[in-house]
Amino acid sequence: MPPAKEKDILESSKYVFVPEVVREPRMHYQRVPRLGSFMAVPLCYNSCLFDEALEQAVSDMIETSARIEAQRKEKTEYYEGYEDRKAAAQNNGDTFDEEERQWEEIDIQAFLTQEVKYVVMLDTLG
């Protein structure tokens, strides 16, 4: 299989490219034209770099750590008592049919974010 041919950026994007902008008849200059280029690219992303996000992340971490520790203690008590319950059932002549307990998965919440919008521009027109 032959390697995929890369597309030219001018074919794959919605940019307007004028190869000879100085000689373009649709362009009208009041003074001497400045040679160069201009480009503007939108930059939009979700940021968590603000005070409320930090406060929420810290409080969530404290709460989640406490819940994980409580669950760890509960698991320890459950599994330590498991053998005792099994031995007691065998001593009484009962069958020991205790089901395996399902434990809740405790996860940390996602960070609080807000959308940030910028425009990155490149101007080499002089």
N, C-alpha and C. Protein backbone atom coordinates (compact mmCIF):
# COMPACT_ATOMS: atom_id res chain seq x y z
N MET A 1 0.85 -1.18 0.00
CA MET A 1 0.00 0.00 0.00
C MET A 1 0.89 1.24 0.00
N PRO A 2 0.69 2.15 -0.92
CA PRO A 2 1.55 3.34 -0.97
C PRO A 2 1.21 4.27 0.21
N PRO A 3 2.21 5.01 0.69
CA PRO A 3 1.95 5.92 1.81
C PRO A 3 0.97 7.02 1.40
N ALA A 4 0.16 7.44 2.35
CA ALA A 4 -0.84 8.48 2.08
C ALA A 4 -0.14 9.80 1.81
N LYS A 5 -0.58 10.47 0.76
CA LYS A 5 0.02 11.74 0.40
C LYS A 5 -0.55 12.83 1.31
N GLU A 6 0.32 13.64 1.88
CA GLU A 6 -0.12 14.71 2.76
C GLU A 6 -0.77 15.81 1.93
N LYS A 7 -1.88 16.34 2.45
CA LYS A 7 -2.55 17.43 1.77
C LYS A 7 -1.85 18.73 2.11
N ASP A 8 -1.86 19.61 1.14
CA ASP A 8 -1.33 20.95 1.36
C ASP A 8 -2.27 21.68 2.31
N ILE A 9 -1.74 22.50 3.19
CA ILE A 9 -2.55 23.22 4.17
C ILE A 9 -3.56 24.13 3.48
N LEU A 10 -3.23 24.62 2.30
CA LEU A 10 -4.15 25.49 1.58
C LEU A 10 -5.35 24.72 1.04
N GLU A 11 -5.19 23.42 0.82
CA GLU A 11 -6.29 22.60 0.34
C GLU A 11 -7.16 22.08 1.49
N SER A 12 -6.57 21.86 2.65
CA SER A 12 -7.31 21.26 3.75
C SER A 12 -7.92 22.27 4.71
N SER A 13 -7.59 23.54 4.59
CA SER A 13 -8.10 24.56 5.50
C SER A 13 -8.97 25.57 4.77
N LYS A 14 -9.63 26.42 5.54
CA LYS A 14 -10.51 27.44 4.97
C LYS A 14 -9.82 28.80 4.96
N TYR A 15 -8.52 28.81 4.73
CA TYR A 15 -7.77 30.05 4.68
C TYR A 15 -7.93 30.71 3.32
N VAL A 16 -7.76 32.01 3.31
CA VAL A 16 -7.73 32.75 2.05
C VAL A 16 -6.27 33.07 1.76
N PHE A 17 -5.79 32.60 0.64
CA PHE A 17 -4.40 32.81 0.26
C PHE A 17 -4.38 33.53 -1.08
N VAL A 18 -3.73 34.66 -1.09
CA VAL A 18 -3.58 35.43 -2.33
C VAL A 18 -2.10 35.42 -2.66
N PRO A 19 -1.69 34.70 -3.72
CA PRO A 19 -0.26 34.55 -3.99
C PRO A 19 0.45 35.86 -4.34
N GLU A 20 -0.17 36.76 -5.07
CA GLU A 20 0.43 38.04 -5.44
C GLU A 20 -0.51 39.16 -5.00
N VAL A 21 -0.54 39.42 -3.73
CA VAL A 21 -1.49 40.39 -3.20
C VAL A 21 -1.21 41.80 -3.69
N VAL A 22 0.04 42.12 -3.97
CA VAL A 22 0.37 43.46 -4.45
C VAL A 22 -0.17 43.67 -5.86
N ARG A 23 -0.15 42.63 -6.67
CA ARG A 23 -0.60 42.75 -8.06
C ARG A 23 -2.07 42.35 -8.24
N GLU A 24 -2.75 42.00 -7.18
CA GLU A 24 -4.15 41.59 -7.26
C GLU A 24 -5.01 42.79 -7.66
N PRO A 25 -5.77 42.69 -8.76
CA PRO A 25 -6.55 43.84 -9.22
C PRO A 25 -7.68 44.23 -8.26
N ARG A 26 -8.15 43.30 -7.44
CA ARG A 26 -9.23 43.63 -6.51
C ARG A 26 -8.73 44.43 -5.31
N MET A 27 -7.41 44.48 -5.10
CA MET A 27 -6.83 45.20 -3.96
C MET A 27 -6.55 46.64 -4.37
N HIS A 28 -6.88 47.56 -3.47
CA HIS A 28 -6.60 48.98 -3.71
C HIS A 28 -5.86 49.53 -2.51
N TYR A 29 -4.70 50.12 -2.73
CA TYR A 29 -3.87 50.66 -1.66
C TYR A 29 -3.89 52.18 -1.71
N GLN A 30 -4.10 52.80 -0.58
CA GLN A 30 -4.07 54.25 -0.50
C GLN A 30 -2.64 54.77 -0.58
N ARG A 31 -1.71 54.02 -0.05
CA ARG A 31 -0.28 54.38 -0.08
C ARG A 31 0.49 53.19 -0.61
N VAL A 32 1.79 53.18 -0.40
CA VAL A 32 2.63 52.07 -0.84
C VAL A 32 2.23 50.82 -0.06
N PRO A 33 2.01 49.70 -0.73
CA PRO A 33 1.59 48.48 -0.01
C PRO A 33 2.72 47.94 0.88
N ARG A 34 2.33 47.43 2.01
CA ARG A 34 3.29 46.80 2.91
C ARG A 34 3.34 45.31 2.59
N LEU A 35 4.52 44.83 2.38
CA LEU A 35 4.67 43.42 2.06
C LEU A 35 4.74 42.61 3.35
N GLY A 36 4.19 41.45 3.33
CA GLY A 36 4.22 40.57 4.51
C GLY A 36 2.94 39.77 4.57
N SER A 37 2.62 39.30 5.77
CA SER A 37 1.43 38.48 5.93
C SER A 37 0.78 38.76 7.28
N PHE A 38 -0.47 38.34 7.40
CA PHE A 38 -1.22 38.47 8.62
C PHE A 38 -1.99 37.18 8.82
N MET A 39 -1.98 36.65 10.05
CA MET A 39 -2.71 35.43 10.34
C MET A 39 -3.32 35.55 11.72
N ALA A 40 -4.56 35.12 11.89
CA ALA A 40 -5.24 35.09 13.18
C ALA A 40 -5.82 33.70 13.38
N VAL A 41 -5.50 33.08 14.52
CA VAL A 41 -5.96 31.73 14.83
C VAL A 41 -6.73 31.77 16.14
N PRO A 42 -7.98 31.29 16.16
CA PRO A 42 -8.72 31.26 17.43
C PRO A 42 -8.15 30.17 18.34
N LEU A 43 -8.08 30.46 19.62
CA LEU A 43 -7.57 29.51 20.62
C LEU A 43 -8.61 29.43 21.73
N CYS A 44 -9.35 28.33 21.78
CA CYS A 44 -10.41 28.13 22.78
C CYS A 44 -10.10 26.85 23.55
N TYR A 45 -10.13 26.94 24.88
CA TYR A 45 -9.87 25.77 25.71
C TYR A 45 -10.55 25.94 27.06
N ASN A 46 -10.65 24.84 27.80
CA ASN A 46 -11.21 24.86 29.15
C ASN A 46 -10.07 24.98 30.14
N SER A 47 -10.14 25.99 30.99
CA SER A 47 -9.08 26.25 31.96
C SER A 47 -9.60 26.01 33.37
N CYS A 48 -8.73 25.49 34.22
CA CYS A 48 -9.07 25.31 35.63
C CYS A 48 -8.18 26.21 36.50
N LEU A 49 -7.61 27.25 35.90
CA LEU A 49 -6.71 28.14 36.61
C LEU A 49 -7.45 29.35 37.18
N PHE A 50 -8.29 29.08 38.18
CA PHE A 50 -8.96 30.15 38.91
C PHE A 50 -9.24 29.66 40.32
N ASP A 51 -9.50 30.60 41.22
CA ASP A 51 -9.57 30.30 42.66
C ASP A 51 -10.65 29.29 43.02
N GLU A 52 -11.84 29.41 42.44
CA GLU A 52 -12.93 28.50 42.79
C GLU A 52 -12.58 27.05 42.43
N ALA A 53 -11.89 26.85 41.32
CA ALA A 53 -11.51 25.50 40.91
C ALA A 53 -10.53 24.90 41.91
N LEU A 54 -9.58 25.70 42.37
CA LEU A 54 -8.62 25.21 43.36
C LEU A 54 -9.31 24.86 44.67
N GLU A 55 -10.19 25.74 45.14
CA GLU A 55 -10.90 25.49 46.39
C GLU A 55 -11.76 24.23 46.30
N GLN A 56 -12.45 24.05 45.17
CA GLN A 56 -13.27 22.86 45.00
C GLN A 56 -12.41 21.60 44.93
N ALA A 57 -11.28 21.66 44.24
CA ALA A 57 -10.41 20.49 44.11
C ALA A 57 -9.85 20.09 45.47
N VAL A 58 -9.45 21.07 46.29
CA VAL A 58 -8.90 20.76 47.61
C VAL A 58 -9.97 20.15 48.51
N SER A 59 -11.17 20.75 48.54
CA SER A 59 -12.23 20.22 49.39
C SER A 59 -12.66 18.83 48.92
N ASP A 60 -12.72 18.61 47.60
CA ASP A 60 -13.07 17.30 47.07
C ASP A 60 -12.01 16.27 47.43
N MET A 61 -10.74 16.65 47.38
CA MET A 61 -9.67 15.71 47.73
C MET A 61 -9.75 15.32 49.21
N ILE A 62 -10.03 16.28 50.08
CA ILE A 62 -10.15 15.99 51.51
C ILE A 62 -11.33 15.05 51.75
N GLU A 63 -12.47 15.37 51.14
CA GLU A 63 -13.67 14.54 51.31
C GLU A 63 -13.46 13.13 50.76
N THR A 64 -12.87 13.04 49.58
CA THR A 64 -12.64 11.74 48.95
C THR A 64 -11.66 10.91 49.75
N SER A 65 -10.61 11.54 50.27
CA SER A 65 -9.63 10.81 51.09
C SER A 65 -10.29 10.25 52.35
N ALA A 66 -11.18 11.04 52.97
CA ALA A 66 -11.89 10.57 54.16
C ALA A 66 -12.81 9.40 53.82
N ARG A 67 -13.50 9.48 52.68
CA ARG A 67 -14.39 8.37 52.27
C ARG A 67 -13.59 7.10 51.96
N ILE A 68 -12.44 7.26 51.31
CA ILE A 68 -11.60 6.10 50.99
C ILE A 68 -11.08 5.46 52.28
N GLU A 69 -10.67 6.28 53.23
CA GLU A 69 -10.16 5.75 54.50
C GLU A 69 -11.26 5.02 55.27
N ALA A 70 -12.48 5.58 55.28
CA ALA A 70 -13.60 4.93 55.96
C ALA A 70 -13.93 3.60 55.29
N GLN A 71 -13.89 3.58 53.96
CA GLN A 71 -14.16 2.33 53.24
C GLN A 71 -13.07 1.30 53.50
N ARG A 72 -11.82 1.75 53.59
CA ARG A 72 -10.72 0.82 53.87
C ARG A 72 -10.89 0.18 55.24
N LYS A 73 -11.30 0.98 56.25
CA LYS A 73 -11.54 0.43 57.59
C LYS A 73 -12.70 -0.56 57.57
N GLU A 74 -13.76 -0.23 56.83
CA GLU A 74 -14.92 -1.12 56.74
C GLU A 74 -14.54 -2.44 56.06
N LYS A 75 -13.71 -2.37 55.02
CA LYS A 75 -13.25 -3.59 54.35
C LYS A 75 -12.42 -4.45 55.29
N THR A 76 -11.54 -3.79 56.04
CA THR A 76 -10.69 -4.52 56.99
C THR A 76 -11.55 -5.25 58.02
N GLU A 77 -12.54 -4.55 58.59
CA GLU A 77 -13.43 -5.17 59.57
C GLU A 77 -14.22 -6.31 58.96
N TYR A 78 -14.71 -6.12 57.72
CA TYR A 78 -15.50 -7.15 57.06
C TYR A 78 -14.68 -8.42 56.83
N TYR A 79 -13.47 -8.25 56.29
CA TYR A 79 -12.66 -9.44 55.97
C TYR A 79 -12.08 -10.09 57.22
N GLU A 80 -11.84 -9.34 58.29
CA GLU A 80 -11.39 -9.95 59.54
C GLU A 80 -12.52 -10.76 60.18
N GLY A 81 -13.75 -10.27 60.09
CA GLY A 81 -14.89 -10.98 60.65
C GLY A 81 -15.38 -12.11 59.76
N TYR A 82 -14.93 -12.15 58.53
CA TYR A 82 -15.35 -13.19 57.59
C TYR A 82 -14.99 -14.58 58.10
N GLU A 83 -13.77 -14.76 58.52
CA GLU A 83 -13.32 -16.07 59.03
C GLU A 83 -14.08 -16.46 60.29
N ASP A 84 -14.37 -15.46 61.16
CA ASP A 84 -15.12 -15.74 62.38
C ASP A 84 -16.54 -16.20 62.05
N ARG A 85 -17.19 -15.54 61.10
CA ARG A 85 -18.55 -15.92 60.70
C ARG A 85 -18.56 -17.30 60.05
N LYS A 86 -17.52 -17.59 59.29
CA LYS A 86 -17.43 -18.89 58.63
C LYS A 86 -17.23 -20.00 59.66
N ALA A 87 -16.35 -19.76 60.62
CA ALA A 87 -16.10 -20.77 61.67
C ALA A 87 -17.34 -20.97 62.53
N ALA A 88 -18.06 -19.90 62.85
CA ALA A 88 -19.26 -20.01 63.68
C ALA A 88 -20.34 -20.81 62.96
N ALA A 89 -20.48 -20.59 61.65
CA ALA A 89 -21.47 -21.34 60.88
C ALA A 89 -21.12 -22.82 60.82
N GLN A 90 -19.85 -23.14 60.68
CA GLN A 90 -19.43 -24.54 60.63
C GLN A 90 -19.61 -25.22 61.99
N ASN A 91 -19.37 -24.49 63.08
CA ASN A 91 -19.56 -25.05 64.43
C ASN A 91 -21.04 -25.33 64.71
N ASN A 92 -21.93 -24.52 64.18
CA ASN A 92 -23.36 -24.72 64.38
C ASN A 92 -23.94 -25.75 63.42
N GLY A 93 -23.14 -26.19 62.45
CA GLY A 93 -23.60 -27.18 61.49
C GLY A 93 -24.35 -26.56 60.32
N ASP A 94 -24.33 -25.26 60.20
CA ASP A 94 -25.00 -24.58 59.09
C ASP A 94 -24.06 -24.50 57.89
N THR A 95 -24.66 -24.30 56.74
CA THR A 95 -23.82 -24.08 55.56
C THR A 95 -23.52 -22.59 55.48
N PHE A 96 -22.31 -22.27 55.14
CA PHE A 96 -21.86 -20.87 55.07
C PHE A 96 -21.97 -20.40 53.63
N ASP A 97 -23.01 -19.62 53.33
CA ASP A 97 -23.26 -19.13 51.98
C ASP A 97 -23.27 -17.60 51.93
N GLU A 98 -22.30 -16.99 52.53
CA GLU A 98 -22.25 -15.52 52.51
C GLU A 98 -21.74 -15.05 51.15
N GLU A 99 -22.47 -14.10 50.57
CA GLU A 99 -22.08 -13.58 49.26
C GLU A 99 -20.93 -12.59 49.42
N GLU A 100 -20.14 -12.52 48.38
CA GLU A 100 -19.05 -11.55 48.37
C GLU A 100 -19.63 -10.15 48.29
N ARG A 101 -19.17 -9.27 49.13
CA ARG A 101 -19.71 -7.91 49.19
C ARG A 101 -19.12 -7.06 48.08
N GLN A 102 -19.97 -6.23 47.47
CA GLN A 102 -19.54 -5.31 46.43
C GLN A 102 -19.21 -3.96 47.07
N TRP A 103 -18.06 -3.42 46.71
CA TRP A 103 -17.63 -2.15 47.29
C TRP A 103 -17.78 -1.04 46.28
N GLU A 104 -18.22 0.10 46.77
CA GLU A 104 -18.41 1.27 45.91
C GLU A 104 -17.05 1.79 45.44
N GLU A 105 -16.98 2.14 44.15
CA GLU A 105 -15.76 2.72 43.59
C GLU A 105 -15.78 4.22 43.89
N ILE A 106 -14.78 4.70 44.60
CA ILE A 106 -14.72 6.11 44.97
C ILE A 106 -13.69 6.80 44.08
N ASP A 107 -14.15 7.77 43.31
CA ASP A 107 -13.27 8.50 42.39
C ASP A 107 -13.25 9.98 42.75
N ILE A 108 -12.19 10.62 42.36
CA ILE A 108 -12.07 12.07 42.53
C ILE A 108 -12.84 12.74 41.40
N GLN A 109 -13.54 13.81 41.73
CA GLN A 109 -14.32 14.53 40.71
C GLN A 109 -13.39 15.25 39.74
N ALA A 110 -13.94 15.53 38.56
CA ALA A 110 -13.18 16.29 37.57
C ALA A 110 -13.05 17.74 38.04
N PHE A 111 -12.01 18.41 37.57
CA PHE A 111 -11.79 19.81 37.94
C PHE A 111 -12.89 20.70 37.39
N LEU A 112 -13.20 21.73 38.13
CA LEU A 112 -14.12 22.76 37.68
C LEU A 112 -13.40 23.60 36.62
N THR A 113 -14.03 23.79 35.46
CA THR A 113 -13.36 24.52 34.38
C THR A 113 -14.26 25.62 33.85
N GLN A 114 -13.65 26.55 33.17
CA GLN A 114 -14.39 27.57 32.45
C GLN A 114 -13.71 27.76 31.09
N GLU A 115 -14.52 28.08 30.10
CA GLU A 115 -14.00 28.21 28.75
C GLU A 115 -13.25 29.54 28.60
N VAL A 116 -12.07 29.46 28.01
CA VAL A 116 -11.25 30.64 27.76
C VAL A 116 -11.07 30.77 26.25
N LYS A 117 -11.24 31.98 25.75
CA LYS A 117 -11.11 32.22 24.31
C LYS A 117 -10.09 33.32 24.06
N TYR A 118 -9.14 33.03 23.19
CA TYR A 118 -8.13 33.99 22.77
C TYR A 118 -8.00 33.94 21.25
N VAL A 119 -7.31 34.91 20.73
CA VAL A 119 -6.95 34.91 19.32
C VAL A 119 -5.45 35.12 19.26
N VAL A 120 -4.74 34.20 18.63
CA VAL A 120 -3.30 34.32 18.43
C VAL A 120 -3.08 34.90 17.05
N MET A 121 -2.33 35.99 16.98
CA MET A 121 -2.16 36.66 15.70
C MET A 121 -0.68 36.80 15.34
N LEU A 122 -0.42 36.74 14.07
CA LEU A 122 0.91 36.91 13.51
C LEU A 122 0.82 38.00 12.44
N ASP A 123 1.60 39.04 12.62
CA ASP A 123 1.53 40.17 11.69
C ASP A 123 2.95 40.51 11.24
N THR A 124 3.24 40.30 9.97
CA THR A 124 4.55 40.67 9.42
C THR A 124 4.39 41.72 8.33
N LEU A 125 3.34 42.54 8.46
CA LEU A 125 3.08 43.54 7.44
C LEU A 125 3.93 44.79 7.60
N GLY A 126 4.74 44.83 8.63
CA GLY A 126 5.63 45.98 8.75
C GLY A 126 5.44 46.67 9.99
